[in-house]
N, C-alpha and C. Protein backbone atom coordinates (compact mmCIF):
# COMPACT_ATOMS: atom_id res chain seq x y z
N MET A 1 -31.61 -46.08 -23.19
CA MET A 1 -32.66 -46.57 -24.26
C MET A 1 -33.50 -47.47 -23.39
N ALA A 2 -35.02 -47.42 -23.97
CA ALA A 2 -35.65 -48.36 -23.54
C ALA A 2 -35.43 -49.53 -24.04
N GLU A 3 -36.11 -50.76 -23.05
CA GLU A 3 -35.87 -52.15 -23.79
C GLU A 3 -36.37 -52.27 -24.72
N SER A 4 -37.37 -51.89 -25.08
CA SER A 4 -38.27 -52.27 -26.92
C SER A 4 -37.31 -51.56 -27.87
N GLU A 5 -36.73 -50.45 -27.53
CA GLU A 5 -35.95 -49.52 -28.61
C GLU A 5 -34.38 -50.52 -28.89
N SER A 6 -33.86 -51.17 -27.41
CA SER A 6 -32.85 -51.73 -27.95
C SER A 6 -32.89 -53.23 -28.48
N THR A 7 -34.50 -53.71 -28.18
CA THR A 7 -34.60 -55.00 -28.82
C THR A 7 -34.87 -54.46 -30.70
N VAL A 8 -35.55 -53.17 -30.85
CA VAL A 8 -35.74 -53.02 -32.22
C VAL A 8 -33.84 -53.22 -33.02
N VAL A 9 -33.18 -52.50 -32.06
CA VAL A 9 -31.65 -52.21 -32.40
C VAL A 9 -31.06 -53.77 -32.64
N SER A 10 -31.49 -54.73 -31.66
CA SER A 10 -30.69 -56.00 -31.81
C SER A 10 -31.35 -56.72 -32.92
N LEU A 11 -32.50 -56.73 -33.06
CA LEU A 11 -33.07 -57.69 -34.12
C LEU A 11 -32.60 -57.35 -35.45
N ALA A 12 -32.73 -55.77 -35.49
CA ALA A 12 -32.35 -55.00 -37.17
C ALA A 12 -30.73 -55.39 -37.21
N ALA A 13 -29.80 -55.67 -36.40
CA ALA A 13 -28.50 -55.75 -36.45
C ALA A 13 -28.52 -57.03 -36.97
N LYS A 14 -29.17 -58.28 -36.07
CA LYS A 14 -29.02 -59.78 -36.29
C LYS A 14 -29.42 -60.16 -37.86
N ARG A 15 -30.28 -59.21 -38.26
CA ARG A 15 -30.73 -59.29 -39.93
C ARG A 15 -29.64 -59.19 -40.87
N VAL A 16 -28.32 -58.76 -40.47
CA VAL A 16 -27.54 -58.55 -41.17
C VAL A 16 -26.32 -59.47 -41.53
N GLU A 17 -26.23 -60.08 -42.94
CA GLU A 17 -25.40 -61.19 -42.93
C GLU A 17 -24.02 -60.92 -42.18
N GLY A 18 -23.63 -61.82 -41.84
CA GLY A 18 -22.42 -61.71 -40.85
C GLY A 18 -22.03 -61.51 -39.41
N VAL A 19 -23.40 -60.76 -38.84
CA VAL A 19 -23.45 -60.78 -37.39
C VAL A 19 -23.76 -62.12 -36.87
N ALA A 20 -23.08 -62.32 -35.82
CA ALA A 20 -23.07 -63.42 -35.22
C ALA A 20 -23.90 -63.22 -33.92
N SER A 21 -23.62 -62.30 -33.01
CA SER A 21 -24.85 -61.66 -32.14
C SER A 21 -24.48 -60.63 -31.65
N VAL A 22 -25.37 -59.82 -31.10
CA VAL A 22 -25.34 -58.32 -30.61
C VAL A 22 -25.01 -58.61 -29.04
N GLY A 23 -23.93 -57.68 -28.90
CA GLY A 23 -23.31 -57.83 -27.29
C GLY A 23 -21.88 -58.42 -27.37
N GLY A 24 -21.48 -58.98 -28.85
CA GLY A 24 -20.19 -59.52 -28.71
C GLY A 24 -20.47 -60.93 -28.03
N ASN A 25 -19.04 -61.51 -27.98
CA ASN A 25 -18.83 -63.08 -27.99
C ASN A 25 -17.73 -63.21 -26.88
N ASP A 26 -17.41 -62.13 -25.93
CA ASP A 26 -16.54 -62.15 -25.63
C ASP A 26 -16.09 -63.33 -24.22
N ILE A 27 -14.75 -63.43 -23.91
CA ILE A 27 -14.78 -64.22 -22.49
C ILE A 27 -15.19 -63.52 -21.17
N THR A 28 -15.23 -62.16 -21.05
CA THR A 28 -15.74 -61.42 -20.17
C THR A 28 -17.32 -61.71 -19.87
N SER A 29 -18.15 -61.65 -20.87
CA SER A 29 -19.53 -62.11 -20.94
C SER A 29 -19.98 -63.43 -20.40
N SER A 30 -18.87 -64.29 -21.17
CA SER A 30 -19.17 -65.82 -20.74
C SER A 30 -19.15 -66.05 -19.32
N LEU A 31 -17.95 -65.41 -18.56
CA LEU A 31 -17.44 -65.59 -17.34
C LEU A 31 -18.53 -65.07 -16.31
N ILE A 32 -19.08 -63.94 -16.73
CA ILE A 32 -20.16 -63.40 -15.86
C ILE A 32 -21.23 -63.97 -15.86
N SER A 33 -21.80 -64.41 -17.20
CA SER A 33 -22.88 -65.58 -17.19
C SER A 33 -22.45 -66.88 -15.89
N VAL A 34 -21.44 -67.49 -16.35
CA VAL A 34 -20.99 -68.62 -15.50
C VAL A 34 -21.28 -68.39 -13.80
N PHE A 35 -20.14 -67.19 -13.43
CA PHE A 35 -20.29 -66.98 -12.13
C PHE A 35 -21.24 -66.24 -11.55
N THR A 36 -21.86 -65.73 -12.34
CA THR A 36 -23.28 -65.06 -11.61
C THR A 36 -24.68 -65.61 -11.73
N SER A 37 -24.88 -66.51 -12.79
CA SER A 37 -25.73 -66.99 -13.24
C SER A 37 -27.09 -65.94 -13.88
N ASN A 38 -26.40 -64.80 -14.36
CA ASN A 38 -26.78 -63.83 -14.82
C ASN A 38 -26.27 -63.60 -16.20
N PRO A 39 -26.96 -64.23 -17.41
CA PRO A 39 -26.68 -63.85 -18.70
C PRO A 39 -26.48 -62.35 -18.92
N VAL A 40 -25.37 -61.97 -19.63
CA VAL A 40 -25.37 -60.45 -20.19
C VAL A 40 -26.55 -60.46 -21.06
N ALA A 41 -27.35 -59.35 -21.00
CA ALA A 41 -28.50 -59.21 -21.87
C ALA A 41 -27.71 -58.46 -22.98
N PRO A 42 -28.24 -59.15 -24.16
CA PRO A 42 -28.11 -58.29 -25.58
C PRO A 42 -28.14 -56.70 -25.38
N GLU A 43 -29.36 -56.51 -24.51
CA GLU A 43 -29.39 -54.97 -24.66
C GLU A 43 -28.74 -54.31 -23.91
N SER A 44 -27.74 -54.71 -23.07
CA SER A 44 -26.86 -53.73 -22.31
C SER A 44 -25.47 -53.49 -23.29
N ALA A 45 -25.43 -54.18 -24.61
CA ALA A 45 -24.76 -54.04 -25.71
C ALA A 45 -25.28 -52.88 -26.46
N VAL A 46 -26.41 -52.06 -25.92
CA VAL A 46 -26.95 -51.10 -27.08
C VAL A 46 -26.79 -49.83 -26.20
N GLU A 47 -26.12 -48.85 -26.77
CA GLU A 47 -26.00 -47.53 -26.04
C GLU A 47 -26.68 -46.48 -26.69
N SER A 48 -27.46 -45.60 -26.20
CA SER A 48 -28.04 -44.30 -27.20
C SER A 48 -27.83 -43.20 -26.28
N PHE A 49 -27.86 -41.75 -26.97
CA PHE A 49 -28.14 -40.64 -25.90
C PHE A 49 -28.68 -39.68 -27.48
N VAL A 50 -29.46 -38.73 -27.07
CA VAL A 50 -30.08 -37.69 -27.96
C VAL A 50 -28.72 -36.95 -28.16
N GLU A 51 -28.74 -36.23 -29.55
CA GLU A 51 -27.81 -35.34 -30.06
C GLU A 51 -28.49 -34.45 -30.90
N ASP A 52 -28.77 -33.39 -30.81
CA ASP A 52 -29.63 -32.47 -31.78
C ASP A 52 -30.60 -33.18 -32.13
N ASP A 53 -31.55 -33.19 -31.50
CA ASP A 53 -33.10 -33.92 -31.58
C ASP A 53 -33.11 -35.07 -32.17
N ALA A 54 -31.89 -36.04 -32.41
CA ALA A 54 -32.02 -37.08 -32.65
C ALA A 54 -31.15 -38.17 -32.17
N LEU A 55 -31.31 -39.54 -32.51
CA LEU A 55 -30.67 -40.45 -31.40
C LEU A 55 -29.50 -40.91 -32.07
N ARG A 56 -28.48 -40.89 -31.27
CA ARG A 56 -27.11 -41.66 -31.83
C ARG A 56 -27.02 -43.04 -30.91
N ILE A 57 -26.67 -43.91 -31.68
CA ILE A 57 -26.58 -45.57 -31.07
C ILE A 57 -25.19 -45.95 -31.31
N CYS A 58 -25.12 -46.58 -30.26
CA CYS A 58 -23.51 -47.40 -30.43
C CYS A 58 -24.23 -48.91 -30.30
N VAL A 59 -23.86 -49.58 -30.97
CA VAL A 59 -24.47 -51.33 -30.84
C VAL A 59 -23.03 -52.11 -30.90
N HIS A 60 -22.92 -52.93 -29.98
CA HIS A 60 -21.53 -53.70 -29.82
C HIS A 60 -21.82 -55.10 -30.52
N LEU A 61 -21.08 -56.07 -31.52
CA LEU A 61 -21.56 -56.89 -32.11
C LEU A 61 -20.27 -57.81 -32.19
N ALA A 62 -20.76 -59.18 -32.19
CA ALA A 62 -19.59 -60.29 -32.48
C ALA A 62 -20.10 -60.72 -33.86
N VAL A 63 -18.95 -60.68 -34.59
CA VAL A 63 -19.38 -61.14 -36.36
C VAL A 63 -18.55 -62.70 -36.61
N PHE A 64 -18.78 -63.01 -37.75
CA PHE A 64 -18.30 -64.12 -38.27
C PHE A 64 -17.10 -63.44 -39.06
N TYR A 65 -15.99 -64.54 -38.80
CA TYR A 65 -14.79 -64.15 -39.51
C TYR A 65 -15.29 -64.20 -41.16
N GLY A 66 -14.48 -63.44 -42.15
CA GLY A 66 -14.88 -63.55 -43.49
C GLY A 66 -15.42 -62.58 -43.90
N TYR A 67 -16.11 -61.82 -43.28
CA TYR A 67 -17.25 -60.81 -43.87
C TYR A 67 -15.90 -59.04 -43.68
N PRO A 68 -16.21 -58.60 -44.80
CA PRO A 68 -15.52 -57.42 -44.61
C PRO A 68 -16.19 -56.59 -43.90
N PHE A 69 -15.21 -55.99 -42.56
CA PHE A 69 -16.13 -55.16 -41.71
C PHE A 69 -16.45 -53.85 -42.43
N THR A 70 -16.00 -53.02 -43.18
CA THR A 70 -16.45 -51.78 -43.79
C THR A 70 -18.00 -52.06 -44.29
N LYS A 71 -18.21 -53.04 -45.01
CA LYS A 71 -19.73 -53.36 -45.81
C LYS A 71 -20.63 -53.80 -44.55
N LEU A 72 -19.90 -54.83 -43.54
CA LEU A 72 -21.12 -55.19 -42.74
C LEU A 72 -21.50 -54.20 -41.72
N ALA A 73 -20.31 -53.23 -41.37
CA ALA A 73 -20.81 -52.05 -40.46
C ALA A 73 -21.73 -51.15 -41.22
N ALA A 74 -21.87 -50.81 -42.50
CA ALA A 74 -22.22 -50.10 -43.40
C ALA A 74 -23.73 -50.64 -43.35
N ASP A 75 -24.07 -52.14 -43.44
CA ASP A 75 -25.08 -52.54 -43.78
C ASP A 75 -25.90 -52.55 -42.11
N VAL A 76 -25.02 -52.70 -41.13
CA VAL A 76 -25.55 -52.30 -39.96
C VAL A 76 -26.43 -51.54 -39.69
N ARG A 77 -25.58 -50.37 -39.84
CA ARG A 77 -26.01 -48.74 -39.80
C ARG A 77 -27.35 -48.40 -40.55
N SER A 78 -27.36 -49.12 -41.73
CA SER A 78 -28.54 -49.07 -42.25
C SER A 78 -29.54 -49.74 -42.11
N GLU A 79 -29.83 -50.85 -41.49
CA GLU A 79 -30.79 -51.40 -40.95
C GLU A 79 -31.34 -51.13 -39.76
N VAL A 80 -30.51 -50.72 -38.96
CA VAL A 80 -30.66 -50.12 -37.39
C VAL A 80 -31.21 -48.65 -37.71
N ALA A 81 -30.90 -47.88 -38.50
CA ALA A 81 -31.39 -46.52 -38.55
C ALA A 81 -32.98 -46.61 -39.07
N ALA A 82 -33.09 -47.43 -40.07
CA ALA A 82 -34.19 -47.82 -40.93
C ALA A 82 -35.11 -48.24 -39.78
N ALA A 83 -34.90 -49.44 -38.85
CA ALA A 83 -35.74 -49.95 -38.02
C ALA A 83 -35.90 -49.18 -36.91
N ILE A 84 -35.20 -47.90 -36.23
CA ILE A 84 -35.68 -46.91 -34.98
C ILE A 84 -36.54 -46.08 -35.61
N THR A 85 -36.24 -45.55 -37.10
CA THR A 85 -36.96 -44.73 -37.67
C THR A 85 -38.36 -45.13 -38.06
N GLU A 86 -38.56 -46.44 -38.58
CA GLU A 86 -39.92 -46.94 -38.84
C GLU A 86 -40.61 -47.64 -37.55
N GLN A 87 -39.88 -48.32 -36.80
CA GLN A 87 -40.95 -49.00 -35.28
C GLN A 87 -41.07 -47.74 -34.47
N VAL A 88 -39.91 -46.92 -34.24
CA VAL A 88 -40.00 -45.98 -32.95
C VAL A 88 -40.56 -44.86 -33.57
N GLY A 89 -40.27 -44.10 -34.69
CA GLY A 89 -40.66 -42.67 -35.13
C GLY A 89 -39.53 -41.87 -34.62
N VAL A 90 -38.49 -42.06 -34.44
CA VAL A 90 -37.53 -41.17 -33.79
C VAL A 90 -36.32 -41.12 -35.06
N SER A 91 -36.25 -39.87 -35.28
CA SER A 91 -34.68 -39.97 -36.32
C SER A 91 -33.39 -40.18 -35.54
N VAL A 92 -32.78 -40.78 -36.45
CA VAL A 92 -31.40 -41.19 -35.92
C VAL A 92 -30.42 -40.33 -36.76
N ALA A 93 -29.36 -40.19 -35.64
CA ALA A 93 -28.08 -39.04 -36.56
C ALA A 93 -27.23 -39.72 -36.36
N ALA A 94 -26.91 -40.76 -35.93
CA ALA A 94 -25.74 -41.67 -36.05
C ALA A 94 -25.89 -43.20 -35.66
N VAL A 95 -25.34 -44.20 -36.09
CA VAL A 95 -25.16 -45.46 -35.55
C VAL A 95 -23.87 -45.71 -35.49
N ASP A 96 -22.98 -45.68 -34.20
CA ASP A 96 -21.77 -46.51 -34.25
C ASP A 96 -21.69 -47.85 -34.03
N VAL A 97 -20.99 -48.61 -34.80
CA VAL A 97 -20.72 -49.97 -34.85
C VAL A 97 -19.69 -50.62 -34.37
N CYS A 98 -19.49 -51.33 -33.23
CA CYS A 98 -18.27 -51.52 -32.54
C CYS A 98 -18.24 -53.15 -32.61
N ILE A 99 -17.40 -53.73 -33.44
CA ILE A 99 -16.90 -55.28 -33.48
C ILE A 99 -16.10 -55.44 -32.68
N ASP A 100 -16.56 -56.10 -31.69
CA ASP A 100 -15.89 -56.38 -30.20
C ASP A 100 -14.85 -57.68 -30.25
N SER A 101 -15.88 -58.75 -31.29
CA SER A 101 -15.16 -59.88 -31.41
C SER A 101 -15.36 -60.67 -32.51
N LEU A 102 -14.56 -61.83 -32.70
CA LEU A 102 -14.83 -62.52 -33.94
C LEU A 102 -15.53 -64.06 -33.82
N VAL A 103 -16.23 -64.40 -34.50
CA VAL A 103 -16.76 -65.83 -34.12
C VAL A 103 -16.00 -66.45 -35.98
N PHE A 104 -15.20 -67.60 -35.22
CA PHE A 104 -14.29 -68.51 -36.46
C PHE A 104 -15.02 -69.76 -36.51
N PRO A 105 -15.44 -70.42 -38.17
CA PRO A 105 -15.99 -71.38 -37.94
C PRO A 105 -15.15 -72.70 -37.63
N LYS A 106 -16.15 -73.49 -36.99
CA LYS A 106 -15.58 -74.88 -36.59
C LYS A 106 -15.11 -75.59 -37.74
N GLU A 107 -13.95 -76.28 -37.21
CA GLU A 107 -13.64 -77.16 -38.61
C GLU A 107 -13.54 -78.77 -38.05
């Protein structure tokens, strides 16, 4: 996926209430950033391939605790598909949402 398309997907997903970050918030990403001085780019958390002349997208997320996963994933699918169709001009076959980690509120 081109960098601009990954950016469109990331920005669309971040607009959904309950999404903490695109790319997860896992310890592996944090350790890679610390030991290599190369932060893990959010774009690496967006994958895509062409399926029957349409784009199939997979986006990895960290989400805030307390939001219903089913609704959150449906909202992300809708936002991402609309953004890609409108801004890139490509039809979307599917958007797979992978919730890789939870972010708990600090008390």
